[in-house]
Amino acid sequence: MKIRDASGWTIFIFGVLAFLFGLIGLIRPEIILSTLGFESVDRAARASSDYTIVFMTASSMASFNIGIYYVLAAINDVKIFYRWTVPFRIVTFTVFTILVIAKIAPVEFIGVGIWELVGALSTGIALYSEDRKVQEVPVRMKQGAKRSRK
């Protein structure tokens, strides 16, 4: 079980980063809030109906788990998983960008969307390049077979 190619590395790196951000968010959700440009209010100053910390903890748990899924997919070379991530990460970029444009989220939040887009494009380009290399091999083999018959 090892990472075999560029697409695997893009998935692995994203997984490690998602895991680490999730871990930080589980330990101290306020760090993630401030990193994303949201106002971080002291827990004691929050109203009892303010579920920001609960939501950030839940989001961090999701990031933690997703990070592990990505790392396991990369280590086990689960190409179909890589392919599934590309369009959905572009959707994530689109939704997060709309939130910033609509002024629902602070401008720093666009960093998460850009991170998703860069990751999706990196994985997509790597998969495309790897597929082209695989398609070229049979062509070269056929050409070599024709030469050896002559």
Protein backbone atom coordinates (compact mmCIF):
# COMPACT_ATOMS: atom_id res chain seq x y z
CA MET A 1 0.00 0.00 0.00
CA LYS A 2 1.74 3.10 -1.27
CA ILE A 3 0.87 6.18 -3.23
CA ARG A 4 1.56 5.39 -6.88
CA ASP A 5 1.00 8.57 -8.86
CA ALA A 6 0.26 12.30 -8.91
CA SER A 7 -3.50 11.88 -8.52
CA GLY A 8 -2.89 9.79 -5.41
CA TRP A 9 -0.65 12.49 -3.97
CA THR A 10 -3.26 15.20 -4.58
CA ILE A 11 -5.82 13.13 -2.68
CA PHE A 12 -3.36 12.26 0.09
CA ILE A 13 -2.28 15.87 0.65
CA PHE A 14 -5.88 17.09 0.72
CA GLY A 15 -6.71 14.32 3.18
CA VAL A 16 -3.88 15.21 5.54
CA LEU A 17 -4.85 18.90 5.47
CA ALA A 18 -8.55 18.15 6.02
CA PHE A 19 -7.64 15.85 8.90
CA LEU A 20 -5.40 18.48 10.53
CA PHE A 21 -7.95 21.28 10.15
CA GLY A 22 -10.60 18.96 11.56
CA LEU A 23 -8.37 18.06 14.50
CA ILE A 24 -7.67 21.74 15.25
CA GLY A 25 -11.38 22.48 15.04
CA LEU A 26 -12.20 19.67 17.44
CA ILE A 27 -9.65 20.91 19.95
CA ARG A 28 -10.31 24.64 19.56
CA PRO A 29 -13.12 25.60 17.14
CA GLU A 30 -12.46 29.30 17.74
CA ILE A 31 -9.16 28.99 15.86
CA ILE A 32 -10.97 27.80 12.75
CA LEU A 33 -13.62 30.52 13.10
CA SER A 34 -11.03 33.29 13.25
CA THR A 35 -8.96 31.75 10.43
CA LEU A 36 -12.06 31.82 8.21
CA GLY A 37 -12.71 35.48 9.05
CA PHE A 38 -15.63 34.97 11.39
CA GLU A 39 -15.82 36.90 14.63
CA SER A 40 -14.78 34.65 17.46
CA VAL A 41 -16.76 35.40 20.61
CA ASP A 42 -15.67 34.04 23.97
CA ARG A 43 -17.75 31.01 24.95
CA ALA A 44 -18.88 32.67 28.18
CA ALA A 45 -20.26 35.61 26.19
CA ARG A 46 -22.38 33.43 23.91
CA ALA A 47 -26.12 33.20 24.38
CA SER A 48 -27.50 29.79 25.35
CA SER A 49 -29.18 29.69 21.92
CA ASP A 50 -25.87 30.28 20.09
CA TYR A 51 -24.86 26.96 18.56
CA THR A 52 -21.82 28.25 16.66
CA ILE A 53 -19.38 26.11 18.64
CA VAL A 54 -21.58 23.03 18.24
CA PHE A 55 -21.76 23.61 14.49
CA MET A 56 -18.01 24.22 14.21
CA THR A 57 -17.32 21.05 16.21
CA ALA A 58 -19.64 19.06 13.93
CA SER A 59 -17.99 20.55 10.82
CA SER A 60 -14.58 19.80 12.25
CA MET A 61 -15.58 16.20 12.92
CA ALA A 62 -16.70 15.93 9.28
CA SER A 63 -13.37 17.38 8.10
CA PHE A 64 -11.47 15.00 10.39
CA ASN A 65 -13.36 11.98 8.98
CA ILE A 66 -13.14 13.13 5.36
CA GLY A 67 -9.41 13.60 5.81
CA ILE A 68 -9.09 10.00 6.90
CA TYR A 69 -11.23 8.80 3.96
CA TYR A 70 -9.00 10.68 1.52
CA VAL A 71 -5.78 9.32 3.06
CA LEU A 72 -7.12 5.76 3.00
CA ALA A 73 -8.27 6.19 -0.62
CA ALA A 74 -4.82 7.45 -1.61
CA ILE A 75 -2.97 4.66 0.20
CA ASN A 76 -5.25 2.05 -1.41
CA ASP A 77 -5.25 3.72 -4.87
CA VAL A 78 -9.05 3.97 -5.08
CA LYS A 79 -9.19 5.81 -8.41
CA ILE A 80 -12.98 5.84 -8.60
CA PHE A 81 -13.04 7.79 -5.32
CA TYR A 82 -10.57 10.30 -6.79
CA ARG A 83 -12.89 10.79 -9.79
CA TRP A 84 -15.95 11.30 -7.58
CA THR A 85 -14.23 14.06 -5.62
CA VAL A 86 -13.49 16.33 -8.59
CA PRO A 87 -17.02 17.52 -9.51
CA PHE A 88 -18.18 17.73 -5.91
CA ARG A 89 -15.19 19.81 -4.88
CA ILE A 90 -16.00 22.19 -7.74
CA VAL A 91 -19.56 22.40 -6.41
CA THR A 92 -18.13 23.21 -2.97
CA PHE A 93 -16.03 25.99 -4.49
CA THR A 94 -19.10 27.38 -6.24
CA VAL A 95 -21.30 27.36 -3.13
CA PHE A 96 -18.61 28.89 -0.90
CA THR A 97 -17.86 31.57 -3.48
CA ILE A 98 -21.54 32.46 -3.73
CA LEU A 99 -21.66 32.80 0.07
CA VAL A 100 -18.83 35.34 -0.07
CA ILE A 101 -20.25 37.23 -3.07
CA ALA A 102 -23.66 37.40 -1.37
CA LYS A 103 -21.91 38.75 1.75
CA ILE A 104 -23.23 35.88 3.84
CA ALA A 105 -19.67 34.82 4.67
CA PRO A 106 -16.57 36.98 5.20
CA VAL A 107 -14.11 37.40 2.34
CA GLU A 108 -11.53 35.16 4.09
CA PHE A 109 -13.95 32.27 3.65
CA ILE A 110 -13.14 32.30 -0.07
CA GLY A 111 -9.87 30.58 0.90
CA VAL A 112 -11.76 27.37 1.61
CA GLY A 113 -13.42 27.53 -1.80
CA ILE A 114 -10.12 28.21 -3.55
CA TRP A 115 -8.51 25.33 -1.64
CA GLU A 116 -11.29 23.05 -2.90
CA LEU A 117 -11.00 24.31 -6.49
CA VAL A 118 -7.21 24.00 -6.63
CA GLY A 119 -7.46 20.49 -5.19
CA ALA A 120 -10.19 19.47 -7.63
CA LEU A 121 -8.30 20.83 -10.63
CA SER A 122 -5.03 19.24 -9.48
CA THR A 123 -6.68 15.86 -9.06
CA GLY A 124 -8.62 16.20 -12.33
CA ILE A 125 -5.54 17.18 -14.34
CA ALA A 126 -3.49 14.37 -12.78
CA LEU A 127 -6.21 11.80 -13.55
CA TYR A 128 -6.53 13.08 -17.13
CA SER A 129 -2.76 12.90 -17.63
CA GLU A 130 -2.56 9.40 -16.15
CA ASP A 131 -5.45 8.21 -18.35
CA ARG A 132 -3.69 9.54 -21.45
CA LYS A 133 -0.51 7.68 -20.55
CA VAL A 134 -2.47 4.43 -20.11
CA GLN A 135 -4.17 4.93 -23.50
CA GLU A 136 -0.80 5.53 -25.21
CA VAL A 137 0.70 2.23 -24.02
CA PRO A 138 -1.53 -0.04 -26.16
CA VAL A 139 -0.85 2.15 -29.21
CA ARG A 140 2.90 1.83 -28.70
CA MET A 141 2.57 -1.92 -28.16
CA LYS A 142 0.59 -2.32 -31.40
CA GLN A 143 3.17 -0.26 -33.31
CA GLY A 144 5.99 -2.38 -31.84
CA ALA A 145 4.16 -5.58 -32.84
CA LYS A 146 3.79 -4.35 -36.44
CA ARG A 147 7.50 -3.56 -36.66
CA SER A 148 8.52 -6.97 -35.32
CA ARG A 149 6.38 -8.78 -37.94
CA LYS A 150 8.16 -7.09 -40.85
